[in-house]
């Protein structure tokens, strides 16, 4: 394929096994910048990103995330970085959609930078807890922001899997 952007979109896969190697700041900054360039309703740009690279905070988020589902283990699959996307319902009626677009850009930008990534749910529930709210307050995130998703990323411990065939019958046309 000659179009690098389309190639990136078609080859990105969820990664669920990571090396502990840190992600360089310049790479992380490029991924986050791409996330912030996602479209937003009426250009309000309500989503924000909380970048968690501190291992203790990352492990606390992992514990809180697992507790929501009453799971044991690490729902972040050992990824050294968690980019939490949050958005404000007060700033935009499209906050959920806007945050989802930021998540998509983060996932695709990570792949373009040679990183593995995966969307991990339960950010909303985690940041509704007193512990989650304390993390946001400590980071300086204003009150009222809602968790949209966790973009875990790092260097994949194994090669990304090949694409599985897509289900047919998912495109309809009116010409």
Protein backbone atom coordinates (compact mmCIF):
# COMPACT_ATOMS: atom_id res chain seq x y z
CA UNK A 1 0.00 0.00 0.00
CA UNK A 2 1.38 3.40 -0.92
CA UNK A 3 -0.52 5.52 1.61
CA UNK A 4 1.33 5.38 4.94
CA UNK A 5 -1.64 6.72 6.93
CA UNK A 6 -3.99 4.04 5.57
CA UNK A 7 -1.34 1.36 6.08
CA UNK A 8 -1.04 2.46 9.72
CA UNK A 9 -4.81 2.26 10.22
CA UNK A 10 -5.05 -1.18 8.66
CA UNK A 11 -2.11 -2.74 10.52
CA UNK A 12 -2.63 -1.46 14.10
CA UNK A 13 -3.71 -4.16 16.57
CA UNK A 14 -4.37 -4.24 20.30
CA UNK A 15 -1.27 -5.29 22.22
CA UNK A 16 -1.65 -7.19 25.49
CA UNK A 17 1.95 -7.95 26.43
CA UNK A 18 4.61 -5.29 26.99
CA UNK A 19 8.29 -4.92 27.72
CA UNK A 20 9.13 -2.82 30.76
CA UNK A 21 11.28 -0.46 28.64
CA UNK A 22 10.37 3.19 29.16
CA UNK A 23 8.93 5.22 26.30
CA UNK A 24 11.17 8.22 25.49
CA UNK A 25 9.59 11.58 26.26
CA UNK A 26 9.86 12.83 22.67
CA UNK A 27 7.95 9.79 21.38
CA UNK A 28 5.33 10.09 24.12
CA UNK A 29 4.92 13.80 23.40
CA UNK A 30 4.31 13.15 19.69
CA UNK A 31 1.66 10.53 20.50
CA UNK A 32 -0.11 12.90 22.91
CA UNK A 33 0.05 15.78 20.44
CA UNK A 34 -1.63 13.59 17.83
CA UNK A 35 -4.32 12.74 20.39
CA UNK A 36 -5.00 16.41 21.04
CA UNK A 37 -5.43 17.05 17.31
CA UNK A 38 -8.52 14.85 17.19
CA UNK A 39 -11.68 16.57 15.98
CA UNK A 40 -14.07 17.82 18.65
CA UNK A 41 -17.65 19.01 18.62
CA UNK A 42 -17.80 22.69 17.68
CA UNK A 43 -14.02 22.85 18.22
CA UNK A 44 -14.47 22.94 22.01
CA UNK A 45 -11.54 20.59 22.69
CA UNK A 46 -12.96 19.35 25.98
CA UNK A 47 -10.76 16.19 26.31
CA UNK A 48 -7.56 16.25 28.35
CA UNK A 49 -4.85 13.62 28.73
CA UNK A 50 -3.36 12.53 32.04
CA UNK A 51 0.00 10.94 31.21
CA UNK A 52 1.00 8.39 33.84
CA UNK A 53 4.60 7.23 33.64
CA UNK A 54 5.25 7.03 37.39
CA UNK A 55 5.25 3.31 38.24
CA UNK A 56 3.58 3.73 41.64
CA UNK A 57 0.71 5.80 40.21
CA UNK A 58 0.43 3.46 37.23
CA UNK A 59 0.21 0.47 39.57
CA UNK A 60 -2.44 2.23 41.68
CA UNK A 61 -4.52 2.91 38.56
CA UNK A 62 -4.14 -0.74 37.60
CA UNK A 63 -5.34 -1.83 41.03
CA UNK A 64 -8.33 0.53 40.91
CA UNK A 65 -9.20 -0.59 37.39
CA UNK A 66 -9.07 -4.26 38.34
CA UNK A 67 -11.22 -3.60 41.42
CA UNK A 68 -14.05 -2.23 39.27
CA UNK A 69 -14.40 -5.66 37.64
CA UNK A 70 -13.40 -7.64 40.76
CA UNK A 71 -10.41 -8.98 38.84
CA UNK A 72 -6.95 -10.00 39.95
CA UNK A 73 -3.87 -9.23 37.94
CA UNK A 74 -2.86 -6.27 35.82
CA UNK A 75 -5.54 -5.04 33.41
CA UNK A 76 -2.82 -2.85 31.85
CA UNK A 77 -0.86 -5.95 30.73
CA UNK A 78 2.46 -4.63 32.03
CA UNK A 79 2.42 -1.50 29.84
CA UNK A 80 4.71 1.14 31.37
CA UNK A 81 2.58 4.12 30.24
CA UNK A 82 -1.10 4.88 30.76
CA UNK A 83 -2.60 7.85 28.94
CA UNK A 84 -5.94 8.54 30.58
CA UNK A 85 -8.37 10.51 28.45
CA UNK A 86 -10.91 12.57 30.39
CA UNK A 87 -13.44 15.09 29.13
CA UNK A 88 -15.81 17.64 30.57
CA UNK A 89 -19.56 17.30 29.99
CA UNK A 90 -19.84 20.94 31.01
CA UNK A 91 -17.58 22.10 28.16
CA UNK A 92 -19.14 20.03 25.39
CA UNK A 93 -22.27 17.99 24.88
CA UNK A 94 -20.13 15.78 22.67
CA UNK A 95 -17.54 15.09 25.38
CA UNK A 96 -17.85 11.30 25.10
CA UNK A 97 -17.50 11.27 21.33
CA UNK A 98 -14.68 13.82 21.49
CA UNK A 99 -12.81 11.70 24.03
CA UNK A 100 -13.28 8.59 21.89
CA UNK A 101 -11.71 10.41 18.94
CA UNK A 102 -8.72 11.37 21.11
CA UNK A 103 -8.39 7.71 22.12
CA UNK A 104 -8.43 6.64 18.46
CA UNK A 105 -5.75 9.14 17.56
CA UNK A 106 -3.59 8.00 20.49
CA UNK A 107 -3.86 4.34 19.45
CA UNK A 108 -3.00 5.08 15.82
CA UNK A 109 -0.19 7.51 16.66
CA UNK A 110 1.35 4.96 19.04
CA UNK A 111 1.42 2.41 16.22
CA UNK A 112 2.97 4.95 13.86
CA UNK A 113 5.72 5.50 16.47
CA UNK A 114 6.44 1.77 16.76
CA UNK A 115 4.61 1.32 20.07
CA UNK A 116 1.99 -1.17 21.05
CA UNK A 117 -1.24 0.11 22.55
CA UNK A 118 -4.67 -0.97 23.75
CA UNK A 119 -7.84 0.80 24.90
CA UNK A 120 -8.68 -0.27 28.44
CA UNK A 121 -12.14 0.63 29.71
CA UNK A 122 -13.36 1.52 33.22
CA UNK A 123 -11.74 4.98 33.39
CA UNK A 124 -15.15 6.47 34.19
CA UNK A 125 -15.65 4.19 37.18
CA UNK A 126 -12.07 4.55 38.44
CA UNK A 127 -12.23 8.34 38.51
CA UNK A 128 -15.58 8.33 40.29
CA UNK A 129 -13.89 6.73 43.32
CA UNK A 130 -12.33 8.82 46.10
CA UNK A 131 -8.91 7.37 45.19
CA UNK A 132 -9.37 8.23 41.53
CA UNK A 133 -10.53 11.74 42.35
CA UNK A 134 -7.46 12.20 44.55
CA UNK A 135 -5.18 11.23 41.65
CA UNK A 136 -6.88 13.78 39.39
CA UNK A 137 -6.65 16.47 42.05
CA UNK A 138 -2.96 15.75 42.62
CA UNK A 139 -2.36 16.01 38.86
CA UNK A 140 -4.22 19.32 38.69
CA UNK A 141 -7.13 18.09 36.55
CA UNK A 142 -10.12 20.36 37.23
CA UNK A 143 -13.18 18.88 38.96
CA UNK A 144 -15.98 17.64 36.73
CA UNK A 145 -13.90 15.70 34.21
CA UNK A 146 -15.15 12.21 33.35
CA UNK A 147 -12.92 9.27 32.47
CA UNK A 148 -13.32 8.21 28.84
CA UNK A 149 -10.64 5.54 28.51
CA UNK A 150 -7.12 4.38 29.30
CA UNK A 151 -4.69 4.13 26.42
CA UNK A 152 -1.96 1.80 27.59
CA UNK A 153 1.22 1.85 25.58
CA UNK A 154 4.78 0.69 25.44
CA UNK A 155 6.98 -1.60 23.41
CA UNK A 156 5.27 -4.86 22.50
CA UNK A 157 6.79 -7.97 24.07
CA UNK A 158 5.75 -10.01 21.01
CA UNK A 159 5.05 -9.11 17.39
CA UNK A 160 1.61 -7.63 16.81
CA UNK A 161 -0.79 -10.25 15.45
CA UNK A 162 -1.89 -10.17 11.83
CA UNK A 163 -5.33 -8.82 11.05
CA UNK A 164 -8.18 -11.28 11.20
CA UNK A 165 -10.61 -11.15 8.30
CA UNK A 166 -13.29 -8.52 8.81
CA UNK A 167 -16.94 -9.51 9.03
CA UNK A 168 -18.83 -9.00 5.77
CA UNK A 169 -22.05 -7.02 5.42
CA UNK A 170 -21.00 -4.01 7.48
CA UNK A 171 -21.15 -1.37 4.76
CA UNK A 172 -24.42 -0.13 3.30
CA UNK A 173 -24.70 2.34 0.44
CA UNK A 174 -27.22 4.78 -0.88
CA UNK A 175 -26.01 6.09 -4.23
